[in-house]
Structure formats: structure tokens, C-alpha cells
């Protein structure tokens, strides 16, 4: 299904007793990155039943020997998303842009997820379309069934307790994907709720434009350190521009407040 900095994700399928197919996404890491997997399974255990967080089907990391290379692998079973990542979902649309009503729905779902994460005292630290999963669903609207989609936040390998900077060191000034990160996070490794909300603004911007943040220039981390922010095109709806600017504002908001504004 994909590979990242901390391992790979594979699809496993089997049959239930009634003959129906069950699909599970299994995340695998090697010994070098096992610590992040242990952190992720511990965090996900606190989000059992949370509708906007991808679910983990175990509370422990399983270790097994890879018969091909003789190395120990560490695995956790996760909820499988048939719709793939939000990044791949965006690419299916014309000009890689989502319709405005869908973006509004998706933004509300992401805010609900962040509100839950922050209420538990965590900061995700790596919110981006690749770490947001899409789940097709069907909704009954006045007796008529229509297709819909639900979003869930995944990949908590880099997540930290709010305010935790114990991991920081000069050779590793920040953890995350820099083009989705705020000034203080890139410069000083801050893990505050503002980081996730800045990242949310970048995700909303990408849903509208089909382009990653900083697409308009040769991005360098120095741009964030100069107190700049990604370009917001002038042709975006006014409400969208105001929402994104609010996400980029410094220390003025939280997810629950933005949820009321969305």
C-alpha cells in the first residue's frame, strides 16, 4: 500500500466464517524504527472508537522473523482504507481540485479528528494528505442512497505530547514534513496545537489548488524561518481564504473554535 520513513504498509485479506472478505492494513518497521511503532500503538490505544482516527486492532506490537533476510520485523494491524490516502484521492479529480462542498465536509471531519487528538493532550505533528485516509460510505438522504466519503487521520509515529521538546537536538531541529509545518515548529521544534492547525490550513489549501504548499517558489525551510506562509491564490472563495489565514495565525485558536467557524 505504501512506504514511509518508518516502514511500509501492506494489505492482508482473509475470509470470515460467513465467506465475507476482511481486509487489514499491516504496518511493518525494522528494529531501527521500532520505537516509533511502539509509540504509535500506545497512542492509538487511547483512540478506540474515535470515528476520525484510524483504528488499530491490537494493543501490542508483534515481533516476527523475516524468513527472507533473517531480520526481526515489528508489525501492527490497522484499519484498511479502501479509498486510499487523501493525496491519491485528490489526484482523481479534474485539475487535482476537490469541489467546494466536499472540501468543507472534509475540513469539518479533520477538525473533529484534531479536536479529539488535542483533547487527549497530543499533537499529531505530521498532518498532511498522505497521512489522511479516505473511507467510501453510503448515506441515506430522504430515502435515496448516495455515495459519500469519510476521512480519518492516520500515522502517529511522530506524535508527541503537547509541549514536549525532550526529543529536540540541533542535528534534528524538527520532526515532520517541513512544507506543512509552522514557523515555530521548523525553527524551534515546538509541538503545540498550532502546528496541527497550520498543517490543516496547508491541507485545505491543497484540496482547493491541487498543489502542495510553497508550489510557487523553490521552497526552503528558511522561508518559514523568515516568518512567511504559503501563497493563498486570490481566486479562492473568501470564506476559504479567511479560514486558511486563521489556521496560519499565531496562537489565536484551537480546533474546537475552528470547528465552530467551519
C-alpha atoms as a PDB file:
ATOM      1  CA  UNK A   1       0.000   0.000   0.000  1.00  0.00           C
ATOM      2  CA  UNK A   2       2.908   2.340   0.562  1.00  0.00           C
ATOM      3  CA  UNK A   3       6.224   3.078   2.234  1.00  0.00           C
ATOM      4  CA  UNK A   4       7.344   5.865   4.536  1.00  0.00           C
ATOM      5  CA  UNK A   5      10.267   6.945   6.672  1.00  0.00           C
ATOM      6  CA  UNK A   6       9.389   4.484   9.432  1.00  0.00           C
ATOM      7  CA  UNK A   7       8.395   1.397   7.443  1.00  0.00           C
ATOM      8  CA  UNK A   8       5.869   0.010   4.997  1.00  0.00           C
ATOM      9  CA  UNK A   9       2.138  -0.734   4.960  1.00  0.00           C
ATOM     10  CA  UNK A  10       0.774  -3.886   3.284  1.00  0.00           C
ATOM     11  CA  UNK A  11      -2.728  -5.190   2.645  1.00  0.00           C
ATOM     12  CA  UNK A  12      -3.701  -8.537   4.149  1.00  0.00           C
ATOM     13  CA  UNK A  13      -7.001 -10.204   3.271  1.00  0.00           C
ATOM     14  CA  UNK A  14      -8.795 -13.244   4.629  1.00  0.00           C
ATOM     15  CA  UNK A  15     -12.197 -14.891   4.791  1.00  0.00           C
ATOM     16  CA  UNK A  16     -14.584 -14.807   7.705  1.00  0.00           C
ATOM     17  CA  UNK A  17     -16.649 -17.856   8.633  1.00  0.00           C
ATOM     18  CA  UNK A  18     -19.551 -16.467   6.601  1.00  0.00           C
ATOM     19  CA  UNK A  19     -17.390 -16.147   3.489  1.00  0.00           C
ATOM     20  CA  UNK A  20     -17.032 -12.364   3.512  1.00  0.00           C
ATOM     21  CA  UNK A  21     -13.613 -10.842   2.901  1.00  0.00           C
ATOM     22  CA  UNK A  22     -11.870  -8.982   5.704  1.00  0.00           C
ATOM     23  CA  UNK A  23      -9.085  -6.518   4.847  1.00  0.00           C
ATOM     24  CA  UNK A  24      -6.412  -5.302   7.251  1.00  0.00           C
ATOM     25  CA  UNK A  25      -3.557  -2.864   6.674  1.00  0.00           C
ATOM     26  CA  UNK A  26      -0.401  -4.067   8.424  1.00  0.00           C
ATOM     27  CA  UNK A  27       2.333  -1.544   9.208  1.00  0.00           C
ATOM     28  CA  UNK A  28       5.823  -3.048   9.413  1.00  0.00           C
ATOM     29  CA  UNK A  29       9.024  -1.494  10.778  1.00  0.00           C
ATOM     30  CA  UNK A  30      12.545  -2.773  11.272  1.00  0.00           C
ATOM     31  CA  UNK A  31      14.443  -2.702  14.550  1.00  0.00           C
ATOM     32  CA  UNK A  32      15.858   0.761  13.827  1.00  0.00           C
ATOM     33  CA  UNK A  33      12.377   2.315  13.632  1.00  0.00           C
ATOM     34  CA  UNK A  34      10.549   0.052  16.079  1.00  0.00           C
ATOM     35  CA  UNK A  35      10.360   2.744  18.763  1.00  0.00           C
ATOM     36  CA  UNK A  36       8.046   4.863  16.612  1.00  0.00           C
ATOM     37  CA  UNK A  37       5.763   1.859  16.079  1.00  0.00           C
ATOM     38  CA  UNK A  38       5.550   1.204  19.830  1.00  0.00           C
ATOM     39  CA  UNK A  39       4.674   4.877  20.339  1.00  0.00           C
ATOM     40  CA  UNK A  40       2.001   4.725  17.651  1.00  0.00           C
ATOM     41  CA  UNK A  41       0.253   1.632  19.019  1.00  0.00           C
ATOM     42  CA  UNK A  42       0.248   3.165  22.515  1.00  0.00           C
ATOM     43  CA  UNK A  43      -1.296   6.402  21.236  1.00  0.00           C
ATOM     44  CA  UNK A  44      -3.870   4.645  19.051  1.00  0.00           C
ATOM     45  CA  UNK A  45      -4.968   2.549  22.034  1.00  0.00           C
ATOM     46  CA  UNK A  46      -6.288   5.799  23.537  1.00  0.00           C
ATOM     47  CA  UNK A  47      -8.455   6.474  20.478  1.00  0.00           C
ATOM     48  CA  UNK A  48     -10.515   3.283  20.393  1.00  0.00           C
ATOM     49  CA  UNK A  49     -13.884   4.027  18.791  1.00  0.00           C
ATOM     50  CA  UNK A  50     -12.933   7.559  17.682  1.00  0.00           C
ATOM     51  CA  UNK A  51     -14.567   7.941  14.284  1.00  0.00           C
ATOM     52  CA  UNK A  52     -11.995  10.382  12.877  1.00  0.00           C
ATOM     53  CA  UNK A  53      -8.923   8.376  13.895  1.00  0.00           C
ATOM     54  CA  UNK A  54      -7.777   5.254  12.059  1.00  0.00           C
ATOM     55  CA  UNK A  55      -8.255   2.238  14.322  1.00  0.00           C
ATOM     56  CA  UNK A  56      -5.602  -0.215  15.480  1.00  0.00           C
ATOM     57  CA  UNK A  57      -6.787  -3.798  16.009  1.00  0.00           C
ATOM     58  CA  UNK A  58      -4.254  -4.672  18.701  1.00  0.00           C
ATOM     59  CA  UNK A  59      -2.744  -3.065  21.773  1.00  0.00           C
ATOM     60  CA  UNK A  60       0.700  -4.588  21.278  1.00  0.00           C
ATOM     61  CA  UNK A  61       3.414  -4.632  18.641  1.00  0.00           C
ATOM     62  CA  UNK A  62       4.076  -8.117  17.267  1.00  0.00           C
ATOM     63  CA  UNK A  63       7.666  -9.148  16.529  1.00  0.00           C
ATOM     64  CA  UNK A  64       8.436 -11.816  13.934  1.00  0.00           C
ATOM     65  CA  UNK A  65      11.407 -13.090  11.949  1.00  0.00           C
ATOM     66  CA  UNK A  66      11.554 -12.273   8.248  1.00  0.00           C
ATOM     67  CA  UNK A  67      12.375 -15.612   6.619  1.00  0.00           C
ATOM     68  CA  UNK A  68      13.955 -13.935   3.586  1.00  0.00           C
ATOM     69  CA  UNK A  69      16.556 -11.746   5.289  1.00  0.00           C
ATOM     70  CA  UNK A  70      16.639 -13.167   8.812  1.00  0.00           C
ATOM     71  CA  UNK A  71      15.853  -9.793  10.397  1.00  0.00           C
ATOM     72  CA  UNK A  72      13.290  -9.110  13.098  1.00  0.00           C
ATOM     73  CA  UNK A  73      10.231  -7.149  11.949  1.00  0.00           C
ATOM     74  CA  UNK A  74       7.676  -5.325  14.064  1.00  0.00           C
ATOM     75  CA  UNK A  75       4.033  -5.144  12.976  1.00  0.00           C
ATOM     76  CA  UNK A  76       0.699  -3.616  13.983  1.00  0.00           C
ATOM     77  CA  UNK A  77      -2.695  -4.300  12.319  1.00  0.00           C
ATOM     78  CA  UNK A  78      -4.617  -1.206  11.239  1.00  0.00           C
ATOM     79  CA  UNK A  79      -7.941  -0.307   9.715  1.00  0.00           C
ATOM     80  CA  UNK A  80      -7.794  -0.563   5.910  1.00  0.00           C
ATOM     81  CA  UNK A  81      -8.929   2.467   3.884  1.00  0.00           C
ATOM     82  CA  UNK A  82     -10.401   1.379   0.512  1.00  0.00           C
ATOM     83  CA  UNK A  83     -10.266   4.965  -0.750  1.00  0.00           C
ATOM     84  CA  UNK A  84      -6.527   5.296  -0.184  1.00  0.00           C
ATOM     85  CA  UNK A  85      -4.923   8.495   1.050  1.00  0.00           C
ATOM     86  CA  UNK A  86      -6.366  11.971   0.607  1.00  0.00           C
ATOM     87  CA  UNK A  87      -3.348  12.722  -1.591  1.00  0.00           C
ATOM     88  CA  UNK A  88      -4.215   9.980  -4.096  1.00  0.00           C
ATOM     89  CA  UNK A  89      -7.924  10.851  -3.812  1.00  0.00           C
ATOM     90  CA  UNK A  90      -7.246  14.476  -4.831  1.00  0.00           C
ATOM     91  CA  UNK A  91      -5.375  13.267  -7.919  1.00  0.00           C
ATOM     92  CA  UNK A  92      -8.531  11.589  -9.241  1.00  0.00           C
ATOM     93  CA  UNK A  93     -10.315  14.912  -9.728  1.00  0.00           C
ATOM     94  CA  UNK A  94     -10.104  17.346 -12.634  1.00  0.00           C
ATOM     95  CA  UNK A  95      -7.101  19.650 -12.235  1.00  0.00           C
ATOM     96  CA  UNK A  96      -6.482  17.847  -8.908  1.00  0.00           C
ATOM     97  CA  UNK A  97      -9.019  20.143  -7.229  1.00  0.00           C
ATOM     98  CA  UNK A  98     -11.879  18.998  -4.993  1.00  0.00           C
ATOM     99  CA  UNK A  99     -15.368  20.579  -5.154  1.00  0.00           C
ATOM    100  CA  UNK A 100     -16.011  23.295  -2.569  1.00  0.00           C
ATOM    101  CA  UNK A 101     -18.834  21.422  -0.719  1.00  0.00           C
ATOM    102  CA  UNK A 102     -16.611  18.347  -0.386  1.00  0.00           C
ATOM    103  CA  UNK A 103     -13.706  20.431   0.936  1.00  0.00           C
ATOM    104  CA  UNK A 104     -15.990  21.936   3.560  1.00  0.00           C
ATOM    105  CA  UNK A 105     -17.122  18.465   4.666  1.00  0.00           C
ATOM    106  CA  UNK A 106     -13.572  17.143   4.723  1.00  0.00           C
ATOM    107  CA  UNK A 107     -12.334  20.164   6.688  1.00  0.00           C
ATOM    108  CA  UNK A 108     -15.019  19.615   9.322  1.00  0.00           C
ATOM    109  CA  UNK A 109     -14.001  15.944   9.623  1.00  0.00           C
ATOM    110  CA  UNK A 110     -10.333  16.831  10.047  1.00  0.00           C
ATOM    111  CA  UNK A 111     -11.176  19.420  12.691  1.00  0.00           C
ATOM    112  CA  UNK A 112     -13.183  16.792  14.570  1.00  0.00           C
ATOM    113  CA  UNK A 113     -10.159  14.497  14.442  1.00  0.00           C
ATOM    114  CA  UNK A 114      -7.747  17.186  15.621  1.00  0.00           C
ATOM    115  CA  UNK A 115     -10.122  18.233  18.382  1.00  0.00           C
ATOM    116  CA  UNK A 116     -10.083  14.639  19.652  1.00  0.00           C
ATOM    117  CA  UNK A 117      -6.294  14.354  19.399  1.00  0.00           C
ATOM    118  CA  UNK A 118      -5.736  17.649  21.219  1.00  0.00           C
ATOM    119  CA  UNK A 119      -8.305  16.795  23.905  1.00  0.00           C
ATOM    120  CA  UNK A 120      -6.129  13.776  24.749  1.00  0.00           C
ATOM    121  CA  UNK A 121      -3.092  16.034  25.134  1.00  0.00           C
ATOM    122  CA  UNK A 122      -1.349  15.069  21.884  1.00  0.00           C
ATOM    123  CA  UNK A 123      -0.113  16.932  18.825  1.00  0.00           C
ATOM    124  CA  UNK A 124      -0.104  14.868  15.621  1.00  0.00           C
ATOM    125  CA  UNK A 125       2.998  16.676  14.258  1.00  0.00           C
ATOM    126  CA  UNK A 126       2.748  15.305  10.694  1.00  0.00           C
ATOM    127  CA  UNK A 127      -0.712  16.106   9.331  1.00  0.00           C
ATOM    128  CA  UNK A 128      -0.640  16.031   5.521  1.00  0.00           C
ATOM    129  CA  UNK A 129      -2.763  14.466   2.743  1.00  0.00           C
ATOM    130  CA  UNK A 130      -0.595  11.329   2.700  1.00  0.00           C
ATOM    131  CA  UNK A 131      -1.487  10.715   6.363  1.00  0.00           C
ATOM    132  CA  UNK A 132      -5.229  11.240   5.913  1.00  0.00           C
ATOM    133  CA  UNK A 133      -7.221   8.183   4.804  1.00  0.00           C
ATOM    134  CA  UNK A 134     -10.419   8.078   2.744  1.00  0.00           C
ATOM    135  CA  UNK A 135     -13.280   5.681   3.500  1.00  0.00           C
ATOM    136  CA  UNK A 136     -16.126   5.410   0.943  1.00  0.00           C
ATOM    137  CA  UNK A 137     -19.573   5.261   2.543  1.00  0.00           C
ATOM    138  CA  UNK A 138     -23.242   5.428   1.587  1.00  0.00           C
ATOM    139  CA  UNK A 139     -25.675   7.922   3.094  1.00  0.00           C
ATOM    140  CA  UNK A 140     -29.474   7.665   3.054  1.00  0.00           C
ATOM    141  CA  UNK A 141     -30.801  11.119   2.163  1.00  0.00           C
ATOM    142  CA  UNK A 142     -34.621  11.174   2.316  1.00  0.00           C
ATOM    143  CA  UNK A 143     -34.836   7.587   1.147  1.00  0.00           C
ATOM    144  CA  UNK A 144     -32.191   7.988  -1.554  1.00  0.00           C
ATOM    145  CA  UNK A 145     -28.799   6.388  -1.067  1.00  0.00           C
ATOM    146  CA  UNK A 146     -25.861   8.456  -2.262  1.00  0.00           C
ATOM    147  CA  UNK A 147     -22.141   7.875  -2.189  1.00  0.00           C
ATOM    148  CA  UNK A 148     -20.108   9.781   0.337  1.00  0.00           C
ATOM    149  CA  UNK A 149     -16.665   9.729   1.890  1.00  0.00           C
ATOM    150  CA  UNK A 150     -15.323   9.824   5.422  1.00  0.00           C
ATOM    151  CA  UNK A 151     -11.837  10.921   6.457  1.00  0.00           C
ATOM    152  CA  UNK A 152      -9.684   9.544   9.250  1.00  0.00           C
ATOM    153  CA  UNK A 153      -6.300  10.752  10.492  1.00  0.00           C
ATOM    154  CA  UNK A 154      -3.520   8.153  10.481  1.00  0.00           C
ATOM    155  CA  UNK A 155       0.217   7.731  11.118  1.00  0.00           C
ATOM    156  CA  UNK A 156       1.018   8.778  14.682  1.00  0.00           C
ATOM    157  CA  UNK A 157       4.705   7.784  14.529  1.00  0.00           C
ATOM    158  CA  UNK A 158       5.833  11.376  15.093  1.00  0.00           C
ATOM    159  CA  UNK A 159       3.079  12.392  17.509  1.00  0.00           C
ATOM    160  CA  UNK A 160       4.106  13.941  20.813  1.00  0.00           C
ATOM    161  CA  UNK A 161       2.542  15.202  23.991  1.00  0.00           C
ATOM    162  CA  UNK A 162       1.702  18.878  23.679  1.00  0.00           C
ATOM    163  CA  UNK A 163       4.724  20.973  24.627  1.00  0.00           C
ATOM    164  CA  UNK A 164       7.141  18.025  24.633  1.00  0.00           C
ATOM    165  CA  UNK A 165      10.553  19.103  23.360  1.00  0.00           C
ATOM    166  CA  UNK A 166      12.644  16.399  25.030  1.00  0.00           C
ATOM    167  CA  UNK A 167      13.432  14.832  21.646  1.00  0.00           C
ATOM    168  CA  UNK A 168      14.872  18.079  20.208  1.00  0.00           C
ATOM    169  CA  UNK A 169      18.537  18.358  19.271  1.00  0.00           C
ATOM    170  CA  UNK A 170      20.463  20.719  16.933  1.00  0.00           C
ATOM    171  CA  UNK A 171      21.062  17.990  14.353  1.00  0.00           C
ATOM    172  CA  UNK A 172      17.327  17.221  14.267  1.00  0.00           C
ATOM    173  CA  UNK A 173      15.597  20.593  14.811  1.00  0.00           C
ATOM    174  CA  UNK A 174      12.128  19.391  13.864  1.00  0.00           C
ATOM    175  CA  UNK A 175      10.150  16.214  13.261  1.00  0.00           C
ATOM    176  CA  UNK A 176       7.617  16.205  10.464  1.00  0.00           C
ATOM    177  CA  UNK A 177       7.256  17.330   6.858  1.00  0.00           C
ATOM    178  CA  UNK A 178       8.613  20.864   6.662  1.00  0.00           C
ATOM    179  CA  UNK A 179       6.333  22.216   3.898  1.00  0.00           C
ATOM    180  CA  UNK A 180       3.315  21.520   6.125  1.00  0.00           C
ATOM    181  CA  UNK A 181       4.877  22.944   9.289  1.00  0.00           C
ATOM    182  CA  UNK A 182       4.675  26.277  11.075  1.00  0.00           C
ATOM    183  CA  UNK A 183       7.491  28.738  11.746  1.00  0.00           C
ATOM    184  CA  UNK A 184       7.995  27.834  15.407  1.00  0.00           C
ATOM    185  CA  UNK A 185       7.929  24.109  14.697  1.00  0.00           C
ATOM    186  CA  UNK A 186      10.589  24.294  11.992  1.00  0.00           C
ATOM    187  CA  UNK A 187      12.750  26.802  13.878  1.00  0.00           C
ATOM    188  CA  UNK A 188      12.491  25.527  17.442  1.00  0.00           C
ATOM    189  CA  UNK A 189      10.851  22.102  17.292  1.00  0.00           C
ATOM    190  CA  UNK A 190       7.736  23.334  19.117  1.00  0.00           C
ATOM    191  CA  UNK A 191       4.981  20.752  19.481  1.00  0.00           C
ATOM    192  CA  UNK A 192       1.916  22.863  20.151  1.00  0.00           C
ATOM    193  CA  UNK A 193      -1.616  22.598  18.781  1.00  0.00           C
ATOM    194  CA  UNK A 194      -0.796  25.487  16.451  1.00  0.00           C
ATOM    195  CA  UNK A 195       1.411  23.125  14.444  1.00  0.00           C
ATOM    196  CA  UNK A 196      -1.509  20.823  13.581  1.00  0.00           C
ATOM    197  CA  UNK A 197      -3.770  23.749  12.726  1.00  0.00           C
ATOM    198  CA  UNK A 198      -1.132  25.270  10.440  1.00  0.00           C
ATOM    199  CA  UNK A 199      -0.833  21.849   8.767  1.00  0.00           C
ATOM    200  CA  UNK A 200      -4.616  21.742   8.409  1.00  0.00           C
ATOM    201  CA  UNK A 201      -4.515  25.096   6.608  1.00  0.00           C
ATOM    202  CA  UNK A 202      -1.946  23.637   4.206  1.00  0.00           C
ATOM    203  CA  UNK A 203      -4.175  20.598   3.589  1.00  0.00           C
ATOM    204  CA  UNK A 204      -7.219  22.790   2.880  1.00  0.00           C
ATOM    205  CA  UNK A 205      -5.109  24.894   0.533  1.00  0.00           C
ATOM    206  CA  UNK A 206      -4.004  21.742  -1.289  1.00  0.00           C
ATOM    207  CA  UNK A 207      -7.588  20.497  -1.650  1.00  0.00           C
ATOM    208  CA  UNK A 208      -8.538  23.782  -3.334  1.00  0.00           C
ATOM    209  CA  UNK A 209      -5.483  24.184  -5.573  1.00  0.00           C
ATOM    210  CA  UNK A 210      -4.295  20.636  -6.210  1.00  0.00           C
ATOM    211  CA  UNK A 211      -0.792  21.859  -5.379  1.00  0.00           C
ATOM    212  CA  UNK A 212       1.420  21.316  -2.383  1.00  0.00           C
ATOM    213  CA  UNK A 213       2.261  24.290  -0.154  1.00  0.00           C
ATOM    214  CA  UNK A 214       5.054  26.515  -1.457  1.00  0.00           C
ATOM    215  CA  UNK A 215       4.473  25.314  -5.042  1.00  0.00           C
ATOM    216  CA  UNK A 216       5.029  28.894  -6.243  1.00  0.00           C
ATOM    217  CA  UNK A 217       8.716  29.008  -5.334  1.00  0.00           C
ATOM    218  CA  UNK A 218      11.735  26.843  -4.692  1.00  0.00           C
ATOM    219  CA  UNK A 219      10.838  26.149  -1.091  1.00  0.00           C
ATOM    220  CA  UNK A 220      13.463  26.021   1.612  1.00  0.00           C
ATOM    221  CA  UNK A 221      12.992  25.723   5.363  1.00  0.00           C
ATOM    222  CA  UNK A 222      14.465  29.234   5.606  1.00  0.00           C
ATOM    223  CA  UNK A 223      11.207  30.594   4.162  1.00  0.00           C
ATOM    224  CA  UNK A 224       9.350  29.504   7.286  1.00  0.00           C
ATOM    225  CA  UNK A 225      12.090  30.864   9.488  1.00  0.00           C
ATOM    226  CA  UNK A 226      11.578  34.255   7.821  1.00  0.00           C
ATOM    227  CA  UNK A 227       8.016  34.286   9.134  1.00  0.00           C
ATOM    228  CA  UNK A 228       6.455  33.619   5.742  1.00  0.00           C
ATOM    229  CA  UNK A 229       3.464  31.475   4.839  1.00  0.00           C
ATOM    230  CA  UNK A 230       2.343  29.610   1.696  1.00  0.00           C
ATOM    231  CA  UNK A 231       0.727  31.593  -1.097  1.00  0.00           C
ATOM    232  CA  UNK A 232      -3.091  31.704  -0.972  1.00  0.00           C
ATOM    233  CA  UNK A 233      -4.451  32.232  -4.527  1.00  0.00           C
ATOM    234  CA  UNK A 234      -6.749  35.223  -4.942  1.00  0.00           C
ATOM    235  CA  UNK A 235      -9.450  33.181  -6.708  1.00  0.00           C
ATOM    236  CA  UNK A 236     -10.229  31.020  -3.662  1.00  0.00           C
ATOM    237  CA  UNK A 237     -13.646  31.585  -2.034  1.00  0.00           C
ATOM    238  CA  UNK A 238     -13.487  34.356   0.569  1.00  0.00           C
ATOM    239  CA  UNK A 239     -14.524  32.059   3.426  1.00  0.00           C
ATOM    240  CA  UNK A 240     -11.816  29.587   2.437  1.00  0.00           C
ATOM    241  CA  UNK A 241      -9.140  32.299   2.428  1.00  0.00           C
ATOM    242  CA  UNK A 242     -10.236  33.564   5.838  1.00  0.00           C
ATOM    243  CA  UNK A 243     -10.242  30.041   7.255  1.00  0.00           C
ATOM    244  CA  UNK A 244      -6.756  29.283   5.926  1.00  0.00           C
ATOM    245  CA  UNK A 245      -5.414  32.599   7.243  1.00  0.00           C
ATOM    246  CA  UNK A 246      -6.888  31.753  10.649  1.00  0.00           C
ATOM    247  CA  UNK A 247      -5.044  28.425  10.557  1.00  0.00           C
ATOM    248  CA  UNK A 248      -1.807  30.277   9.768  1.00  0.00           C
ATOM    249  CA  UNK A 249      -2.308  32.825  12.575  1.00  0.00           C
ATOM    250  CA  UNK A 250      -0.052  32.501  15.626  1.00  0.00           C
ATOM    251  CA  UNK A 251      -1.506  31.211  18.895  1.00  0.00           C
ATOM    252  CA  UNK A 252      -5.016  32.525  18.375  1.00  0.00           C
ATOM    253  CA  UNK A 253      -7.151  29.439  18.046  1.00  0.00           C
ATOM    254  CA  UNK A 254      -7.789  25.799  18.733  1.00  0.00           C
ATOM    255  CA  UNK A 255      -9.538  23.039  16.797  1.00  0.00           C
ATOM    256  CA  UNK A 256     -12.847  23.340  18.655  1.00  0.00           C
ATOM    257  CA  UNK A 257     -13.068  27.054  17.866  1.00  0.00           C
ATOM    258  CA  UNK A 258     -12.222  26.493  14.212  1.00  0.00           C
ATOM    259  CA  UNK A 259     -14.838  23.739  14.123  1.00  0.00           C
ATOM    260  CA  UNK A 260     -17.469  26.329  15.025  1.00  0.00           C
ATOM    261  CA  UNK A 261     -16.187  28.607  12.261  1.00  0.00           C
ATOM    262  CA  UNK A 262     -16.107  25.920   9.561  1.00  0.00           C
END
